[in-house]
Amino acid sequence: MKLQILGTGCAKCNALTMATVKAAQTLGLQYELEKVTDLNQIMSFGVMMTPALVVDGKVKVSGKVPSVDEIKTLLA
């Protein structure tokens, strides 16, 4: 499973990264985590508000930091 965090490295982006890692580890998933900070790459996903979570190439959430439980639902 490929997880991508889209954002410029702000506090919300870091919070999303930590919550995503915790959710994936709680579920026992094997995953690859990539942080995408390049604005052109971020816009290529159609994302206008960061942070955003992309799972296997599909944008699952953008513009907010969901709870660990919400992320677990998105990953399951």
Protein backbone atom coordinates (compact mmCIF):
# COMPACT_ATOMS: atom_id res chain seq x y z
CA MET A 1 0.00 0.00 0.00
CA LYS A 2 1.39 3.39 -0.97
CA LEU A 3 0.49 6.30 1.29
CA GLN A 4 1.29 9.85 0.28
CA ILE A 5 1.00 12.96 2.42
CA LEU A 6 0.56 16.06 0.27
CA GLY A 7 1.65 19.30 1.90
CA THR A 8 4.38 21.84 2.35
CA GLY A 9 5.54 20.60 5.76
CA CYS A 10 3.23 22.68 7.96
CA ALA A 11 2.06 21.60 11.42
CA LYS A 12 -1.17 20.12 9.99
CA CYS A 13 0.85 18.15 7.42
CA ASN A 14 3.02 16.72 10.20
CA ALA A 15 -0.07 15.90 12.27
CA LEU A 16 -1.60 14.05 9.31
CA THR A 17 1.65 12.13 8.81
CA MET A 18 1.76 11.01 12.45
CA ALA A 19 -1.93 10.06 12.50
CA THR A 20 -1.60 8.11 9.24
CA VAL A 21 1.45 6.18 10.48
CA LYS A 22 -0.34 5.36 13.75
CA ALA A 23 -3.45 4.18 11.90
CA ALA A 24 -1.47 2.01 9.47
CA GLN A 25 0.60 0.47 12.26
CA THR A 26 -2.51 -0.20 14.37
CA LEU A 27 -4.05 -2.05 11.42
CA GLY A 28 -0.80 -3.96 10.87
CA LEU A 29 -0.53 -2.79 7.25
CA GLN A 30 2.56 -2.99 5.12
CA TYR A 31 2.96 0.43 3.58
CA GLU A 32 5.31 2.83 1.89
CA LEU A 33 5.02 6.45 3.06
CA GLU A 34 5.97 9.36 0.84
CA LYS A 35 5.76 13.07 1.64
CA VAL A 36 4.97 15.17 -1.43
CA THR A 37 5.98 18.81 -0.93
CA ASP A 38 6.29 19.98 -4.54
CA LEU A 39 3.33 22.25 -5.35
CA ASN A 40 3.14 21.12 -8.98
CA GLN A 41 2.96 17.48 -7.88
CA ILE A 42 0.31 18.33 -5.27
CA MET A 43 -1.78 20.17 -7.87
CA SER A 44 -1.45 17.21 -10.27
CA PHE A 45 -3.65 15.27 -7.82
CA GLY A 46 -6.30 17.98 -8.11
CA VAL A 47 -5.73 19.01 -4.49
CA MET A 48 -6.24 22.70 -3.74
CA MET A 49 -6.12 22.50 0.07
CA THR A 50 -3.44 20.76 2.11
CA PRO A 51 -2.79 18.58 3.91
CA ALA A 52 -4.11 15.69 1.86
CA LEU A 53 -3.88 11.92 2.16
CA VAL A 54 -3.49 9.82 -0.98
CA VAL A 55 -3.88 6.03 -0.78
CA ASP A 56 -2.65 4.03 -3.78
CA GLY A 57 -3.01 7.06 -6.07
CA LYS A 58 -6.49 8.10 -4.90
CA VAL A 59 -7.08 11.24 -2.83
CA LYS A 60 -8.96 10.16 0.30
CA VAL A 61 -9.06 13.43 2.27
CA SER A 62 -7.82 16.99 1.79
CA GLY A 63 -7.88 20.25 3.69
CA LYS A 64 -8.19 18.71 7.15
CA VAL A 65 -6.57 16.30 9.57
CA PRO A 66 -8.93 13.37 10.25
CA SER A 67 -8.72 11.39 13.48
CA VAL A 68 -6.73 8.16 13.65
CA ASP A 69 -10.02 6.21 13.65
CA GLU A 70 -11.21 8.04 10.52
CA ILE A 71 -7.92 7.25 8.79
CA LYS A 72 -8.21 3.58 9.81
CA THR A 73 -11.59 3.49 8.05
CA LEU A 74 -10.05 5.03 4.92
CA LEU A 75 -7.23 2.49 4.91
CA ALA A 76 -9.33 -0.60 5.62
